[in-house]
Amino acid sequence: MDRNSEWSYPEPRKGLAGQWDKFVGPGATFAEQIISLVPSVLAALSITYYSYVSGLGWSFVQYIVAALIAFDIVGGVTTNATSSAKRWYHRSGQTAVKHLGFIAIHILQIFLVSWLFRSLDISYIVVVYLYLIFSSCVVLTVPLRIQRSVALLFVCIAILMSEYLFSSTPGFEWFIPFLFIKLLISHLTTEEPYV
């Protein structure tokens, strides 16, 4: 199989299109844009439908927040793994500090899940966030040849943590595994972007 790695990318367009480019990566193909958008929308609709038919008794605010988090997390899993996103998020000048800044803002989602769906479980916020930051720092500092393996190991531990350390979060059982897949594997790992 002949695959060519290509790290060059076009400049982001101007205006709203440029903002989209900075999300999916400039020059994203139609297929990459579809794989970024369609699963995100389906995730938002699915969590809304599931929570309603399961009788979780969520408020309107909980439905909105759940849909937005599902949209973002699932979209991040698929988008950040595309070749266009790899080119963009791992371009020259993207430092470990910038990557950690992107990781750090996800405390908002961890906080919202804890506050709105776990009765503000402070230990959940602290443990999940500190583990996320620690694992991200390790992934960013290990040699490239083992980076993906280390990231996958940390995701496995996150899944175990989700299953055995914390009580289940109805409707959000997927949250910790998907969050770690998005950030450690899809976003942080440096992989060759193929054309």
Protein backbone atom coordinates (compact mmCIF):
# COMPACT_ATOMS: atom_id res chain seq x y z
CA MET A 1 0.00 0.00 0.00
CA ASP A 2 1.46 3.33 -1.06
CA ARG A 3 0.74 6.14 1.36
CA ASN A 4 2.36 9.52 1.26
CA SER A 5 2.72 11.65 4.36
CA GLU A 6 2.11 15.34 3.77
CA TRP A 7 2.55 17.98 6.49
CA SER A 8 1.86 21.12 4.41
CA TYR A 9 -1.54 22.78 4.67
CA PRO A 10 -3.24 25.81 3.12
CA GLU A 11 -3.78 28.96 5.12
CA PRO A 12 -7.16 29.13 6.91
CA ARG A 13 -9.78 31.06 4.97
CA LYS A 14 -11.16 34.37 6.21
CA GLY A 15 -14.27 34.89 8.33
CA LEU A 16 -16.56 32.10 9.51
CA ALA A 17 -15.05 29.63 7.02
CA GLY A 18 -11.66 30.33 8.59
CA GLN A 19 -13.00 29.48 12.03
CA TRP A 20 -14.27 26.18 10.66
CA ASP A 21 -10.83 25.61 9.08
CA LYS A 22 -9.19 26.14 12.47
CA PHE A 23 -11.50 23.52 13.97
CA VAL A 24 -11.22 20.75 11.34
CA GLY A 25 -7.88 21.78 9.85
CA PRO A 26 -7.38 23.95 6.77
CA GLY A 27 -7.89 22.02 3.57
CA ALA A 28 -10.08 19.37 5.19
CA THR A 29 -11.61 17.14 2.53
CA PHE A 30 -15.35 16.69 2.17
CA ALA A 31 -15.05 13.23 3.79
CA GLU A 32 -13.11 14.69 6.74
CA GLN A 33 -15.75 17.37 7.23
CA ILE A 34 -18.53 14.78 7.13
CA ILE A 35 -16.75 12.51 9.64
CA SER A 36 -16.30 15.58 11.85
CA LEU A 37 -19.86 16.81 11.72
CA VAL A 38 -22.28 13.89 11.25
CA PRO A 39 -21.21 11.78 14.27
CA SER A 40 -21.28 14.95 16.43
CA VAL A 41 -24.87 15.70 15.48
CA LEU A 42 -25.87 12.05 15.93
CA ALA A 43 -24.26 11.99 19.38
CA ALA A 44 -26.14 15.11 20.47
CA LEU A 45 -29.43 13.70 19.21
CA SER A 46 -28.75 10.26 20.68
CA ILE A 47 -28.05 11.44 24.22
CA THR A 48 -31.14 13.62 24.11
CA TYR A 49 -33.30 10.75 22.89
CA TYR A 50 -31.76 8.20 25.27
CA SER A 51 -32.17 10.38 28.34
CA TYR A 52 -35.80 11.10 27.44
CA VAL A 53 -36.87 7.50 26.76
CA SER A 54 -34.90 6.26 29.78
CA GLY A 55 -36.84 8.61 32.04
CA LEU A 56 -33.76 10.21 33.56
CA GLY A 57 -35.85 13.24 34.51
CA TRP A 58 -33.41 15.81 33.19
CA SER A 59 -34.23 19.50 33.13
CA PHE A 60 -34.14 21.55 29.94
CA VAL A 61 -30.69 22.86 30.91
CA GLN A 62 -29.41 19.30 31.42
CA TYR A 63 -30.67 18.29 27.97
CA ILE A 64 -28.91 21.27 26.35
CA VAL A 65 -25.63 20.77 28.22
CA ALA A 66 -25.64 17.01 27.55
CA ALA A 67 -26.22 17.57 23.83
CA LEU A 68 -23.43 20.16 23.63
CA ILE A 69 -20.96 17.96 25.50
CA ALA A 70 -21.81 14.92 23.37
CA PHE A 71 -21.48 17.02 20.21
CA ASP A 72 -18.08 18.35 21.28
CA ILE A 73 -16.58 15.12 22.62
CA VAL A 74 -17.64 12.85 19.75
CA GLY A 75 -16.75 15.56 17.23
CA GLY A 76 -13.36 15.88 18.86
CA VAL A 77 -12.73 12.14 18.70
CA THR A 78 -13.39 12.03 14.96
CA THR A 79 -12.10 15.46 13.94
CA ASN A 80 -8.79 15.49 15.78
CA ALA A 81 -7.85 12.14 14.26
CA THR A 82 -8.15 13.33 10.64
CA SER A 83 -5.08 14.10 8.57
CA SER A 84 -6.10 17.75 8.14
CA ALA A 85 -6.48 18.21 11.89
CA LYS A 86 -3.16 16.45 12.56
CA ARG A 87 -1.45 18.86 10.15
CA TRP A 88 -3.05 21.85 11.85
CA TYR A 89 -2.80 20.89 15.53
CA HIS A 90 0.75 19.57 15.19
CA ARG A 91 2.10 22.29 12.89
CA SER A 92 5.33 24.07 13.62
CA GLY A 93 5.00 26.32 16.66
CA GLN A 94 2.44 24.16 18.46
CA THR A 95 4.20 23.64 21.77
CA ALA A 96 3.42 21.29 24.64
CA VAL A 97 2.15 24.33 26.55
CA LYS A 98 -0.37 25.09 23.79
CA HIS A 99 -1.51 21.46 23.75
CA LEU A 100 -1.89 21.51 27.53
CA GLY A 101 -3.88 24.73 27.28
CA PHE A 102 -6.32 22.95 24.98
CA ILE A 103 -6.50 20.02 27.41
CA ALA A 104 -6.91 22.29 30.44
CA ILE A 105 -10.09 23.99 29.21
CA HIS A 106 -11.86 20.62 29.38
CA ILE A 107 -12.20 21.11 33.12
CA LEU A 108 -15.39 22.94 32.15
CA GLN A 109 -16.95 19.75 30.78
CA ILE A 110 -15.79 17.68 33.76
CA PHE A 111 -17.25 20.32 36.09
CA LEU A 112 -20.56 20.46 34.20
CA VAL A 113 -20.96 16.67 34.26
CA SER A 114 -20.20 16.64 37.97
CA TRP A 115 -22.44 19.59 38.80
CA LEU A 116 -25.47 18.82 36.65
CA PHE A 117 -25.41 15.01 36.59
CA ARG A 118 -23.52 13.93 39.74
CA SER A 119 -24.76 16.42 42.38
CA LEU A 120 -21.46 18.32 42.29
CA ASP A 121 -19.15 15.42 43.10
CA ILE A 122 -15.93 17.31 43.92
CA SER A 123 -13.78 14.15 44.09
CA TYR A 124 -14.91 13.31 40.54
CA ILE A 125 -13.76 16.71 39.28
CA VAL A 126 -10.41 16.59 41.09
CA VAL A 127 -9.48 12.98 40.26
CA VAL A 128 -10.57 13.04 36.61
CA TYR A 129 -8.97 16.42 35.92
CA LEU A 130 -5.67 15.70 37.68
CA TYR A 131 -5.44 12.34 35.94
CA LEU A 132 -6.17 14.03 32.60
CA ILE A 133 -3.43 16.63 33.13
CA PHE A 134 -0.92 14.05 34.40
CA SER A 135 -1.55 11.62 31.55
CA SER A 136 -1.39 14.45 28.99
CA CYS A 137 1.97 15.60 30.34
CA VAL A 138 3.33 12.07 30.10
CA VAL A 139 2.02 11.58 26.54
CA LEU A 140 3.63 14.86 25.50
CA THR A 141 7.03 13.94 26.95
CA VAL A 142 7.54 10.29 25.99
CA PRO A 143 9.45 9.43 22.81
CA LEU A 144 7.32 9.58 19.67
CA ARG A 145 7.81 5.87 18.97
CA ILE A 146 5.82 4.94 22.11
CA GLN A 147 3.50 7.95 22.34
CA ARG A 148 0.42 6.19 20.92
CA SER A 149 0.98 3.12 23.11
CA VAL A 150 1.32 5.25 26.24
CA ALA A 151 -1.80 7.23 25.32
CA LEU A 152 -3.75 4.01 24.83
CA LEU A 153 -2.55 2.69 28.19
CA PHE A 154 -3.77 5.86 29.92
CA VAL A 155 -7.13 5.54 28.14
CA CYS A 156 -7.43 1.94 29.40
CA ILE A 157 -6.80 3.17 32.94
CA ALA A 158 -9.39 5.93 32.44
CA ILE A 159 -11.95 3.31 31.41
CA LEU A 160 -11.17 1.27 34.53
CA MET A 161 -11.43 4.43 36.63
CA SER A 162 -14.79 5.21 35.05
CA GLU A 163 -16.08 1.69 35.74
CA TYR A 164 -14.63 0.93 39.16
CA LEU A 165 -13.60 4.13 40.93
CA PHE A 166 -16.76 6.16 40.46
CA SER A 167 -20.43 5.33 40.60
CA SER A 168 -22.17 5.37 37.24
CA THR A 169 -23.38 8.68 35.83
CA PRO A 170 -26.75 7.83 34.19
CA GLY A 171 -26.64 8.98 30.59
CA PHE A 172 -22.93 9.82 30.85
CA GLU A 173 -21.39 6.38 31.29
CA TRP A 174 -19.41 7.09 28.10
CA PHE A 175 -18.03 10.46 29.20
CA ILE A 176 -14.65 9.60 30.76
CA PRO A 177 -13.61 7.04 28.10
CA PHE A 178 -14.63 9.31 25.21
CA LEU A 179 -13.00 12.37 26.79
CA PHE A 180 -9.68 10.56 27.14
CA ILE A 181 -9.89 9.09 23.64
CA LYS A 182 -10.53 12.57 22.25
CA LEU A 183 -7.73 14.27 24.11
CA LEU A 184 -4.98 11.68 24.51
CA ILE A 185 -5.33 9.71 21.29
CA SER A 186 -7.11 11.89 18.75
CA HIS A 187 -5.58 15.22 19.78
CA LEU A 188 -2.21 14.68 21.48
CA THR A 189 -0.65 11.83 19.54
CA THR A 190 1.55 12.97 16.68
CA GLU A 191 0.72 10.83 13.65
CA GLU A 192 1.60 11.23 10.02
CA PRO A 193 -1.14 12.97 8.02
CA TYR A 194 -1.79 11.12 4.78
CA VAL A 195 -2.92 12.62 1.51
